C-alpha atoms as a PDB file:
ATOM      1  CA  MET A   1     100.862 105.585 123.347  1.00  0.00           C
ATOM      2  CA  ILE A   2     100.926 102.261 121.511  1.00  0.00           C
ATOM      3  CA  LYS A   3     101.424 104.067 118.228  1.00  0.00           C
ATOM      4  CA  ARG A   4     104.533 105.777 119.602  1.00  0.00           C
ATOM      5  CA  ALA A   5     105.924 102.489 120.958  1.00  0.00           C
ATOM      6  CA  ALA A   6     105.368 100.812 117.600  1.00  0.00           C
ATOM      7  CA  ALA A   7     107.093 103.690 115.832  1.00  0.00           C
ATOM      8  CA  ALA A   8     110.031 103.390 118.245  1.00  0.00           C
ATOM      9  CA  ALA A   9     110.364  99.668 117.527  1.00  0.00           C
ATOM     10  CA  VAL A  10     110.214 100.241 113.785  1.00  0.00           C
ATOM     11  CA  GLY A  11     112.754 103.079 114.033  1.00  0.00           C
ATOM     12  CA  GLY A  12     115.220 100.888 115.905  1.00  0.00           C
ATOM     13  CA  ALA A  13     114.842  97.996 113.484  1.00  0.00           C
ATOM     14  CA  VAL A  14     115.213 100.230 110.438  1.00  0.00           C
ATOM     15  CA  ALA A  15     118.325 101.893 111.854  1.00  0.00           C
ATOM     16  CA  VAL A  16     120.061  98.561 112.510  1.00  0.00           C
ATOM     17  CA  GLY A  17     118.898  97.016 109.240  1.00  0.00           C
ATOM     18  CA  ALA A  18     119.828  99.979 107.081  1.00  0.00           C
ATOM     19  CA  VAL A  19     123.542  99.996 107.911  1.00  0.00           C
ATOM     20  CA  PRO A  20     124.527  96.867 105.943  1.00  0.00           C
ATOM     21  CA  VAL A  21     122.263  97.861 103.053  1.00  0.00           C
ATOM     22  CA  VAL A  22     123.690 101.372 102.778  1.00  0.00           C
ATOM     23  CA  LEU A  23     127.304 100.216 103.148  1.00  0.00           C
ATOM     24  CA  GLY A  24     126.780  97.508 100.531  1.00  0.00           C
ATOM     25  CA  ALA A  25     125.248 100.054  98.157  1.00  0.00           C
ATOM     26  CA  MET A  26     128.278 102.301  98.674  1.00  0.00           C
ATOM     27  CA  GLY A  27     130.618  99.413  97.798  1.00  0.00           C
ATOM     28  CA  PHE A  28     131.848  98.296 101.224  1.00  0.00           C
ATOM     29  CA  THR A  29     131.144  94.560 100.922  1.00  0.00           C
ATOM     30  CA  GLY A  30     132.214  91.420 102.764  1.00  0.00           C
ATOM     31  CA  ALA A  31     134.477  90.517  99.828  1.00  0.00           C
ATOM     32  CA  GLY A  32     136.238  93.885  99.843  1.00  0.00           C
ATOM     33  CA  ILE A  33     135.696  97.213  98.170  1.00  0.00           C
ATOM     34  CA  ALA A  34     133.663  96.913  94.968  1.00  0.00           C
ATOM     35  CA  ALA A  35     135.279  98.257  91.804  1.00  0.00           C
ATOM     36  CA  SER A  36     133.953 101.553  90.366  1.00  0.00           C
ATOM     37  CA  SER A  37     131.923 102.274  93.490  1.00  0.00           C
ATOM     38  CA  LEU A  38     131.795 105.220  95.824  1.00  0.00           C
ATOM     39  CA  ALA A  39     133.899 103.176  98.252  1.00  0.00           C
ATOM     40  CA  ALA A  40     136.595 102.716  95.580  1.00  0.00           C
ATOM     41  CA  LYS A  41     136.673 106.455  94.938  1.00  0.00           C
ATOM     42  CA  MET A  42     136.922 107.149  98.665  1.00  0.00           C
ATOM     43  CA  MET A  43     139.749 104.627  99.002  1.00  0.00           C
ATOM     44  CA  SER A  44     141.606 106.147  96.067  1.00  0.00           C
ATOM     45  CA  ALA A  45     141.319 109.645  97.510  1.00  0.00           C
ATOM     46  CA  ALA A  46     142.487 108.429 100.939  1.00  0.00           C
ATOM     47  CA  ALA A  47     145.460 106.609  99.393  1.00  0.00           C
ATOM     48  CA  VAL A  48     146.514 109.668  97.386  1.00  0.00           C
ATOM     49  CA  ALA A  49     146.221 111.872 100.476  1.00  0.00           C
ATOM     50  CA  ASN A  50     148.304 109.462 102.587  1.00  0.00           C
ATOM     51  CA  GLY A  51     151.077 108.811 100.097  1.00  0.00           C
ATOM     52  CA  GLY A  52     149.843 105.510  98.667  1.00  0.00           C
ATOM     53  CA  GLY A  53     148.146 103.692 101.527  1.00  0.00           C
ATOM     54  CA  VAL A  54     144.939 103.881 103.539  1.00  0.00           C
ATOM     55  CA  ALA A  55     145.634 104.775 107.146  1.00  0.00           C
ATOM     56  CA  ALA A  56     144.384 102.394 109.826  1.00  0.00           C
ATOM     57  CA  GLY A  57     141.451 103.859 111.706  1.00  0.00           C
ATOM     58  CA  SER A  58     140.504 106.204 108.857  1.00  0.00           C
ATOM     59  CA  LEU A  59     136.912 106.543 107.687  1.00  0.00           C
ATOM     60  CA  VAL A  60     137.492 104.246 104.700  1.00  0.00           C
ATOM     61  CA  ALA A  61     139.147 101.577 106.870  1.00  0.00           C
ATOM     62  CA  THR A  62     136.377 101.740 109.460  1.00  0.00           C
ATOM     63  CA  LEU A  63     133.591 101.549 106.884  1.00  0.00           C
ATOM     64  CA  GLN A  64     135.284  98.590 105.172  1.00  0.00           C
ATOM     65  CA  SER A  65     135.600  96.819 108.506  1.00  0.00           C
ATOM     66  CA  VAL A  66     131.897  97.338 109.244  1.00  0.00           C
ATOM     67  CA  GLY A  67     130.958  96.312 105.691  1.00  0.00           C
ATOM     68  CA  ALA A  68     132.941  93.084 106.003  1.00  0.00           C
ATOM     69  CA  ALA A  69     132.261  92.049 109.604  1.00  0.00           C
ATOM     70  CA  GLY A  70     129.193  94.072 110.614  1.00  0.00           C
ATOM     71  CA  LEU A  71     128.738  96.174 113.705  1.00  0.00           C
ATOM     72  CA  SER A  72     129.570  95.028 117.209  1.00  0.00           C
ATOM     73  CA  THR A  73     126.781  94.237 119.660  1.00  0.00           C
ATOM     74  CA  ALA A  74     127.404  97.475 121.538  1.00  0.00           C
ATOM     75  CA  SER A  75     127.232  99.478 118.296  1.00  0.00           C
ATOM     76  CA  ASN A  76     124.002  97.726 117.300  1.00  0.00           C
ATOM     77  CA  ILE A  77     122.453  98.540 120.692  1.00  0.00           C
ATOM     78  CA  LEU A  78     123.485 102.182 120.422  1.00  0.00           C
ATOM     79  CA  LEU A  79     122.188 102.401 116.859  1.00  0.00           C
ATOM     80  CA  ALA A  80     118.894 100.707 117.774  1.00  0.00           C
ATOM     81  CA  SER A  81     118.435 103.079 120.720  1.00  0.00           C
ATOM     82  CA  THR A  82     119.038 106.122 118.562  1.00  0.00           C
ATOM     83  CA  GLY A  83     116.690 104.825 115.870  1.00  0.00           C
ATOM     84  CA  SER A  84     114.039 104.142 118.494  1.00  0.00           C
ATOM     85  CA  VAL A  85     114.239 107.691 119.808  1.00  0.00           C
ATOM     86  CA  PHE A  86     113.847 109.147 116.326  1.00  0.00           C
ATOM     87  CA  GLY A  87     111.063 106.692 115.527  1.00  0.00           C
ATOM     88  CA  ALA A  88     109.180 107.645 118.690  1.00  0.00           C
ATOM     89  CA  LEU A  89     109.598 111.345 117.964  1.00  0.00           C
ATOM     90  CA  LEU A  90     108.400 111.006 114.389  1.00  0.00           C
ATOM     91  CA  GLY A  91     105.661 108.533 115.256  1.00  0.00           C
ATOM     92  CA  GLY A  92     104.280 110.744 117.988  1.00  0.00           C
ATOM     93  CA  SER A  93     104.171 113.910 115.928  1.00  0.00           C
ATOM     94  CA  LYS A  94     100.708 115.250 115.361  1.00  0.00           C
ATOM     95  CA  LYS A  95      99.504 115.823 111.855  1.00  0.00           C
ATOM     96  CA  PRO A  96      97.607 119.005 111.074  1.00  0.00           C
ATOM     97  CA  PRO A  97      93.875 118.491 110.550  1.00  0.00           C
ATOM     98  CA  PRO A  98      92.895 117.990 106.926  1.00  0.00           C
ATOM     99  CA  SER A  99      91.875 121.171 105.183  1.00  0.00           C
ATOM    100  CA  ALA A 100      88.483 121.651 103.619  1.00  0.00           C
ATOM    101  CA  PRO A 101      88.313 120.443 100.032  1.00  0.00           C
ATOM    102  CA  ALA A 102      88.759 123.106  97.426  1.00  0.00           C
ATOM    103  CA  GLY A 103      85.713 123.681  95.337  1.00  0.00           C
ATOM    104  CA  PRO A 104      83.036 126.208  94.510  1.00  0.00           C
ATOM    105  CA  ARG A 105      81.941 128.160  97.507  1.00  0.00           C
ATOM    106  CA  ALA A 106      78.458 129.231  98.316  1.00  0.00           C
ATOM    107  CA  GLU A 107      77.833 132.910  98.693  1.00  0.00           C
ATOM    108  CA  GLY A 108      78.730 133.884 102.238  1.00  0.00           C
ATOM    109  CA  ASP A 109      81.417 131.198 102.670  1.00  0.00           C
ATOM    110  CA  GLY A 110      84.308 133.457 101.731  1.00  0.00           C
ATOM    111  CA  PRO A 111      86.914 134.483 104.268  1.00  0.00           C
ATOM    112  CA  GLY A 112      85.713 137.242 106.536  1.00  0.00           C
ATOM    113  CA  GLU A 113      82.241 136.935 105.069  1.00  0.00           C
ATOM    114  CA  LYS A 114      79.353 135.926 107.295  1.00  0.00           C
ATOM    115  CA  ALA A 115      76.003 134.677 106.169  1.00  0.00           C
ATOM    116  CA  SER A 116      74.372 137.674 107.889  1.00  0.00           C
ATOM    117  CA  GLN A 117      76.376 140.011 105.644  1.00  0.00           C
ATOM    118  CA  VAL A 118      74.962 138.567 102.450  1.00  0.00           C
ATOM    119  CA  LYS A 119      72.214 140.773 101.076  1.00  0.00           C
ATOM    120  CA  PRO A 120      69.143 139.272  99.450  1.00  0.00           C
ATOM    121  CA  PRO A 121      68.587 140.054  95.777  1.00  0.00           C
ATOM    122  CA  LYS A 122      66.767 143.324  95.116  1.00  0.00           C
ATOM    123  CA  PRO A 123      63.407 143.336  93.391  1.00  0.00           C
ATOM    124  CA  PRO A 124      63.177 144.931  89.951  1.00  0.00           C
ATOM    125  CA  LEU A 125      63.151 148.721  89.981  1.00  0.00           C
ATOM    126  CA  SER A 126      59.708 149.024  88.493  1.00  0.00           C
ATOM    127  CA  SER A 127      56.849 146.654  88.710  1.00  0.00           C
ATOM    128  CA  GLU A 128      54.684 148.374  86.121  1.00  0.00           C
ATOM    129  CA  ARG A 129      52.195 146.502  84.112  1.00  0.00           C
ATOM    130  CA  HIS A 130      51.978 147.069  80.451  1.00  0.00           C
ATOM    131  CA  GLU A 131      48.455 147.936  79.557  1.00  0.00           C
ATOM    132  CA  LYS A 132      46.989 147.764  76.089  1.00  0.00           C
END
């Protein structure tokens, strides 16, 4: 239970903290769109599609606004809640038990093979003594 709560808290914090990092890496910075970045390519494509300008409310405009000013409190709460849900789901998932280490097997350890099915070694066919 505590593990799941901790995972939820971490998930929420990572979700809120990742937004500025990802947007900055894409080129949506507080000083504007970084040259030769993914954001610059997106802005160029949006301007070409709209006849020379970026439309207000478009994806590029919204991402630049968030990159410059950050998210609103309501958006941060929503993002933290969503991250917490995913964190709790991932943190509460059960891992499969570890498998047996691979290595040489003893006779009778093979799949479908029981120890009772293993036959003892047979004695030599003849136990004759050589006489001189």
